[in-house]
Amino acid sequence: MTGWDGTEVRARIREMAARDPERARFGADTHRYELRPALPGAEIGAFEEEHGIRLPADYRAFVAEVGDGPAGPAHGLLPLATPRPEAGEDWAVDGEWEEDRLPGRLATPFPLTDPRPGAIGVLVAEELTPGTLTLAEEGCGMYVRLIVTGPHAGEVWWLDPDWGGFVPAYPDFRTWYTRWLGTAA
């Protein structure tokens, strides 16, 4: 199943916002329980062509049918292709987002075949992220990344350079995002 019910997702996000008017839930003050418009298929296709990849189906469908962030886990779902915030948004795109979009980086095969928990170091962590797309920033240099190439394509991994781990967190984007939707504010 790859399709999303955008109406249902937006209704759930509105419920979450109503239960958290003070935006006390982690990340809510950043994403504000707001969704940007969905991206046209042509824009998604142009992104894929530019980067020489095919996005995992559940993530591609979300961006096309629900929205291009930011409401989501951690500090919110980073946008796929638009680096500038729209009116009223106050998030900032960081170096991880920009590095993902360097020529050839996403199409480079994801180098890991097994998780790397513990002591990989910051420089090594940077070498392990080709073939991955940053989904969200958790703070303190921790990121949630979607694998877009190789045998782990479609999986969501968690990267913490300080702890030195790059490990699988969720089997796919849908599981990662719907877990956030299902938790109470």
C-alpha atoms as a PDB file:
ATOM      1  CA  MET A   1       0.000   0.000   0.000  1.00  0.00           C
ATOM      2  CA  THR A   2       1.536   3.298  -1.034  1.00  0.00           C
ATOM      3  CA  GLY A   3      -1.370   5.756  -1.238  1.00  0.00           C
ATOM      4  CA  TRP A   4      -2.297   8.096   1.589  1.00  0.00           C
ATOM      5  CA  ASP A   5      -5.635   9.553   2.617  1.00  0.00           C
ATOM      6  CA  GLY A   6      -4.609  13.194   2.792  1.00  0.00           C
ATOM      7  CA  THR A   7      -7.921  14.235   4.322  1.00  0.00           C
ATOM      8  CA  GLU A   8      -7.499  11.718   7.130  1.00  0.00           C
ATOM      9  CA  VAL A   9      -3.879  12.703   7.808  1.00  0.00           C
ATOM     10  CA  ARG A  10      -4.746  16.406   7.919  1.00  0.00           C
ATOM     11  CA  ALA A  11      -7.700  15.706  10.241  1.00  0.00           C
ATOM     12  CA  ARG A  12      -5.421  13.768  12.602  1.00  0.00           C
ATOM     13  CA  ILE A  13      -2.894  16.611  12.581  1.00  0.00           C
ATOM     14  CA  ARG A  14      -5.684  19.109  13.405  1.00  0.00           C
ATOM     15  CA  GLU A  15      -6.718  16.861  16.323  1.00  0.00           C
ATOM     16  CA  MET A  16      -3.133  16.757  17.544  1.00  0.00           C
ATOM     17  CA  ALA A  17      -2.884  20.552  17.342  1.00  0.00           C
ATOM     18  CA  ALA A  18      -6.157  20.978  19.246  1.00  0.00           C
ATOM     19  CA  ARG A  19      -4.832  18.717  22.026  1.00  0.00           C
ATOM     20  CA  ASP A  20      -1.585  20.688  22.210  1.00  0.00           C
ATOM     21  CA  PRO A  21      -2.507  24.398  21.979  1.00  0.00           C
ATOM     22  CA  GLU A  22       0.652  25.409  23.858  1.00  0.00           C
ATOM     23  CA  ARG A  23       2.789  23.380  21.420  1.00  0.00           C
ATOM     24  CA  ALA A  24       4.378  21.573  24.334  1.00  0.00           C
ATOM     25  CA  ARG A  25       4.947  18.343  22.431  1.00  0.00           C
ATOM     26  CA  PHE A  26       8.511  17.906  21.210  1.00  0.00           C
ATOM     27  CA  GLY A  27       8.996  19.693  17.892  1.00  0.00           C
ATOM     28  CA  ALA A  28       5.532  21.271  17.784  1.00  0.00           C
ATOM     29  CA  ASP A  29       6.897  24.779  18.229  1.00  0.00           C
ATOM     30  CA  THR A  30       8.893  24.230  15.022  1.00  0.00           C
ATOM     31  CA  HIS A  31       6.370  22.507  12.722  1.00  0.00           C
ATOM     32  CA  ARG A  32       3.259  24.054  14.350  1.00  0.00           C
ATOM     33  CA  TYR A  33       1.141  21.119  13.169  1.00  0.00           C
ATOM     34  CA  GLU A  34       1.021  22.715   9.723  1.00  0.00           C
ATOM     35  CA  LEU A  35       1.390  21.051   6.338  1.00  0.00           C
ATOM     36  CA  ARG A  36       2.641  22.697   3.200  1.00  0.00           C
ATOM     37  CA  PRO A  37       0.763  21.854   0.024  1.00  0.00           C
ATOM     38  CA  ALA A  38       1.421  18.571  -1.728  1.00  0.00           C
ATOM     39  CA  LEU A  39       3.905  18.724  -4.589  1.00  0.00           C
ATOM     40  CA  PRO A  40       2.819  18.162  -8.177  1.00  0.00           C
ATOM     41  CA  GLY A  41       3.989  14.869  -9.659  1.00  0.00           C
ATOM     42  CA  ALA A  42       6.009  16.766 -12.261  1.00  0.00           C
ATOM     43  CA  GLU A  43       8.004  18.541  -9.544  1.00  0.00           C
ATOM     44  CA  ILE A  44       8.689  15.268  -7.743  1.00  0.00           C
ATOM     45  CA  GLY A  45       9.677  13.649 -11.030  1.00  0.00           C
ATOM     46  CA  ALA A  46      12.025  16.542 -11.816  1.00  0.00           C
ATOM     47  CA  PHE A  47      13.677  16.115  -8.400  1.00  0.00           C
ATOM     48  CA  GLU A  48      14.124  12.402  -9.030  1.00  0.00           C
ATOM     49  CA  GLU A  49      15.526  12.991 -12.498  1.00  0.00           C
ATOM     50  CA  GLU A  50      17.902  15.707 -11.300  1.00  0.00           C
ATOM     51  CA  HIS A  51      19.263  13.402  -8.597  1.00  0.00           C
ATOM     52  CA  GLY A  52      19.163  10.147 -10.551  1.00  0.00           C
ATOM     53  CA  ILE A  53      16.933   8.323  -8.059  1.00  0.00           C
ATOM     54  CA  ARG A  54      13.415   7.026  -7.561  1.00  0.00           C
ATOM     55  CA  LEU A  55      12.031   7.993  -4.168  1.00  0.00           C
ATOM     56  CA  PRO A  56      10.569   5.192  -2.027  1.00  0.00           C
ATOM     57  CA  ALA A  57       6.911   4.819  -2.994  1.00  0.00           C
ATOM     58  CA  ASP A  58       5.360   5.584   0.407  1.00  0.00           C
ATOM     59  CA  TYR A  59       7.398   8.786   0.831  1.00  0.00           C
ATOM     60  CA  ARG A  60       6.796   9.845  -2.769  1.00  0.00           C
ATOM     61  CA  ALA A  61       3.048   9.289  -2.316  1.00  0.00           C
ATOM     62  CA  PHE A  62       3.017  11.271   0.951  1.00  0.00           C
ATOM     63  CA  VAL A  63       4.685  14.296  -0.639  1.00  0.00           C
ATOM     64  CA  ALA A  64       2.341  14.049  -3.646  1.00  0.00           C
ATOM     65  CA  GLU A  65      -0.902  13.334  -1.777  1.00  0.00           C
ATOM     66  CA  VAL A  66      -0.569  14.861   1.700  1.00  0.00           C
ATOM     67  CA  GLY A  67       2.049  17.606   1.882  1.00  0.00           C
ATOM     68  CA  ASP A  68       5.689  18.594   1.721  1.00  0.00           C
ATOM     69  CA  GLY A  69       6.188  18.863   5.502  1.00  0.00           C
ATOM     70  CA  PRO A  70       6.684  20.283   8.013  1.00  0.00           C
ATOM     71  CA  ALA A  71       4.158  18.659  10.408  1.00  0.00           C
ATOM     72  CA  GLY A  72       5.783  15.434  11.489  1.00  0.00           C
ATOM     73  CA  PRO A  73       8.071  13.653  13.925  1.00  0.00           C
ATOM     74  CA  ALA A  74      10.940  15.391  15.713  1.00  0.00           C
ATOM     75  CA  HIS A  75      11.232  19.025  14.563  1.00  0.00           C
ATOM     76  CA  GLY A  76       9.102  18.216  11.555  1.00  0.00           C
ATOM     77  CA  LEU A  77       9.430  16.740   8.118  1.00  0.00           C
ATOM     78  CA  LEU A  78      11.933  18.638   6.002  1.00  0.00           C
ATOM     79  CA  PRO A  79      10.708  19.739   2.575  1.00  0.00           C
ATOM     80  CA  LEU A  80      11.712  17.691  -0.437  1.00  0.00           C
ATOM     81  CA  ALA A  81      12.767  20.369  -2.873  1.00  0.00           C
ATOM     82  CA  THR A  82      11.994  23.859  -1.576  1.00  0.00           C
ATOM     83  CA  PRO A  83      14.638  25.174   0.808  1.00  0.00           C
ATOM     84  CA  ARG A  84      12.980  28.456   1.719  1.00  0.00           C
ATOM     85  CA  PRO A  85      10.246  28.687   4.335  1.00  0.00           C
ATOM     86  CA  GLU A  86       6.918  30.021   3.184  1.00  0.00           C
ATOM     87  CA  ALA A  87       5.274  33.040   4.834  1.00  0.00           C
ATOM     88  CA  GLY A  88       4.815  32.417   8.536  1.00  0.00           C
ATOM     89  CA  GLU A  89       7.255  29.500   8.742  1.00  0.00           C
ATOM     90  CA  ASP A  90      10.301  29.962  10.930  1.00  0.00           C
ATOM     91  CA  TRP A  91      12.278  26.749  10.437  1.00  0.00           C
ATOM     92  CA  ALA A  92      15.688  26.862   8.874  1.00  0.00           C
ATOM     93  CA  VAL A  93      17.219  24.392   6.468  1.00  0.00           C
ATOM     94  CA  ASP A  94      20.569  23.251   7.760  1.00  0.00           C
ATOM     95  CA  GLY A  95      23.693  21.793   6.211  1.00  0.00           C
ATOM     96  CA  GLU A  96      22.318  18.235   6.199  1.00  0.00           C
ATOM     97  CA  TRP A  97      19.453  19.229   3.903  1.00  0.00           C
ATOM     98  CA  GLU A  98      21.796  21.097   1.578  1.00  0.00           C
ATOM     99  CA  GLU A  99      24.412  18.330   1.534  1.00  0.00           C
ATOM    100  CA  ASP A 100      21.778  15.752   0.536  1.00  0.00           C
ATOM    101  CA  ARG A 101      21.168  17.770  -2.620  1.00  0.00           C
ATOM    102  CA  LEU A 102      24.762  17.988  -3.827  1.00  0.00           C
ATOM    103  CA  PRO A 103      25.121  16.547  -7.343  1.00  0.00           C
ATOM    104  CA  GLY A 104      25.301  12.753  -7.288  1.00  0.00           C
ATOM    105  CA  ARG A 105      24.952  12.387  -3.511  1.00  0.00           C
ATOM    106  CA  LEU A 106      21.487  10.813  -3.451  1.00  0.00           C
ATOM    107  CA  ALA A 107      22.288   8.492  -6.380  1.00  0.00           C
ATOM    108  CA  THR A 108      25.476   7.253  -4.720  1.00  0.00           C
ATOM    109  CA  PRO A 109      24.757   3.797  -3.320  1.00  0.00           C
ATOM    110  CA  PHE A 110      24.127   3.742   0.406  1.00  0.00           C
ATOM    111  CA  PRO A 111      27.362   2.165   1.666  1.00  0.00           C
ATOM    112  CA  LEU A 112      26.148   0.162   4.657  1.00  0.00           C
ATOM    113  CA  THR A 113      24.943  -3.396   4.535  1.00  0.00           C
ATOM    114  CA  ASP A 114      24.704  -3.623   8.342  1.00  0.00           C
ATOM    115  CA  PRO A 115      23.953  -1.056  11.072  1.00  0.00           C
ATOM    116  CA  ARG A 116      26.891   0.694  12.706  1.00  0.00           C
ATOM    117  CA  PRO A 117      26.129   1.232  16.390  1.00  0.00           C
ATOM    118  CA  GLY A 118      28.798   2.984  18.437  1.00  0.00           C
ATOM    119  CA  ALA A 119      31.933   5.027  17.800  1.00  0.00           C
ATOM    120  CA  ILE A 120      31.765   5.660  14.062  1.00  0.00           C
ATOM    121  CA  GLY A 121      32.773   9.303  14.497  1.00  0.00           C
ATOM    122  CA  VAL A 122      31.476  12.439  12.814  1.00  0.00           C
ATOM    123  CA  LEU A 123      33.693  12.268   9.722  1.00  0.00           C
ATOM    124  CA  VAL A 124      32.878   8.627   9.146  1.00  0.00           C
ATOM    125  CA  ALA A 125      29.155   9.378   9.663  1.00  0.00           C
ATOM    126  CA  GLU A 126      29.334  11.908   6.826  1.00  0.00           C
ATOM    127  CA  GLU A 127      30.822   9.220   4.602  1.00  0.00           C
ATOM    128  CA  LEU A 128      27.947   6.877   5.453  1.00  0.00           C
ATOM    129  CA  THR A 129      25.091   9.190   4.447  1.00  0.00           C
ATOM    130  CA  PRO A 130      25.308   9.138   0.626  1.00  0.00           C
ATOM    131  CA  GLY A 131      22.176   7.531  -0.776  1.00  0.00           C
ATOM    132  CA  THR A 132      20.093   8.898   2.099  1.00  0.00           C
ATOM    133  CA  LEU A 133      17.664  11.793   2.378  1.00  0.00           C
ATOM    134  CA  THR A 134      17.284  13.716   5.642  1.00  0.00           C
ATOM    135  CA  LEU A 135      13.685  13.459   6.833  1.00  0.00           C
ATOM    136  CA  ALA A 136      13.901  15.280  10.168  1.00  0.00           C
ATOM    137  CA  GLU A 137      16.269  16.793  12.662  1.00  0.00           C
ATOM    138  CA  GLU A 138      15.896  15.662  16.264  1.00  0.00           C
ATOM    139  CA  GLY A 139      18.275  18.198  17.797  1.00  0.00           C
ATOM    140  CA  CYS A 140      21.874  17.962  19.014  1.00  0.00           C
ATOM    141  CA  GLY A 141      23.075  16.734  15.620  1.00  0.00           C
ATOM    142  CA  MET A 142      20.732  13.731  15.498  1.00  0.00           C
ATOM    143  CA  TYR A 143      18.905  13.057  12.235  1.00  0.00           C
ATOM    144  CA  VAL A 144      16.313  10.710  10.816  1.00  0.00           C
ATOM    145  CA  ARG A 145      17.253   9.654   7.284  1.00  0.00           C
ATOM    146  CA  LEU A 146      15.433   7.800   4.502  1.00  0.00           C
ATOM    147  CA  ILE A 147      17.579   5.351   2.552  1.00  0.00           C
ATOM    148  CA  VAL A 148      16.979   5.921  -1.187  1.00  0.00           C
ATOM    149  CA  THR A 149      19.516   3.568  -2.799  1.00  0.00           C
ATOM    150  CA  GLY A 150      20.832   0.062  -2.256  1.00  0.00           C
ATOM    151  CA  PRO A 151      19.404  -2.974  -0.477  1.00  0.00           C
ATOM    152  CA  HIS A 152      18.057  -0.861   2.409  1.00  0.00           C
ATOM    153  CA  ALA A 153      16.162   1.550   0.120  1.00  0.00           C
ATOM    154  CA  GLY A 154      12.908   2.621   1.730  1.00  0.00           C
ATOM    155  CA  GLU A 155      14.085   2.079   5.317  1.00  0.00           C
ATOM    156  CA  VAL A 156      14.301   4.904   7.846  1.00  0.00           C
ATOM    157  CA  TRP A 157      17.561   5.028   9.829  1.00  0.00           C
ATOM    158  CA  TRP A 158      18.612   7.121  12.809  1.00  0.00           C
ATOM    159  CA  LEU A 159      21.976   8.902  12.795  1.00  0.00           C
ATOM    160  CA  ASP A 160      23.631  10.232  15.946  1.00  0.00           C
ATOM    161  CA  PRO A 161      27.243  11.251  15.267  1.00  0.00           C
ATOM    162  CA  ASP A 162      27.924  12.020  18.946  1.00  0.00           C
ATOM    163  CA  TRP A 163      26.894   8.541  20.029  1.00  0.00           C
ATOM    164  CA  GLY A 164      28.395   7.248  16.845  1.00  0.00           C
ATOM    165  CA  GLY A 165      25.506   5.196  15.585  1.00  0.00           C
ATOM    166  CA  PHE A 166      23.709   4.831  12.286  1.00  0.00           C
ATOM    167  CA  VAL A 167      21.043   2.206  12.782  1.00  0.00           C
ATOM    168  CA  PRO A 168      17.662   1.177  11.346  1.00  0.00           C
ATOM    169  CA  ALA A 169      14.774   2.825  13.143  1.00  0.00           C
ATOM    170  CA  TYR A 170      11.693   1.957  11.039  1.00  0.00           C
ATOM    171  CA  PRO A 171      11.073  -0.377   8.120  1.00  0.00           C
ATOM    172  CA  ASP A 172       9.671   2.450   5.988  1.00  0.00           C
ATOM    173  CA  PHE A 173       8.470   6.041   5.862  1.00  0.00           C
ATOM    174  CA  ARG A 174       4.815   5.083   6.406  1.00  0.00           C
ATOM    175  CA  THR A 175       5.608   3.318   9.689  1.00  0.00           C
ATOM    176  CA  TRP A 176       7.737   6.245  10.902  1.00  0.00           C
ATOM    177  CA  TYR A 177       5.139   8.881  10.068  1.00  0.00           C
ATOM    178  CA  THR A 178       2.017   6.991  11.157  1.00  0.00           C
ATOM    179  CA  ARG A 179       3.607   6.153  14.499  1.00  0.00           C
ATOM    180  CA  TRP A 180       3.913   9.881  15.079  1.00  0.00           C
ATOM    181  CA  LEU A 181       0.303  10.412  13.972  1.00  0.00           C
ATOM    182  CA  GLY A 182      -0.873   7.719  16.347  1.00  0.00           C
ATOM    183  CA  THR A 183       0.772   9.053  19.495  1.00  0.00           C
ATOM    184  CA  ALA A 184      -1.218  11.342  21.728  1.00  0.00           C
ATOM    185  CA  ALA A 185      -0.090  14.924  22.233  1.00  0.00           C
END
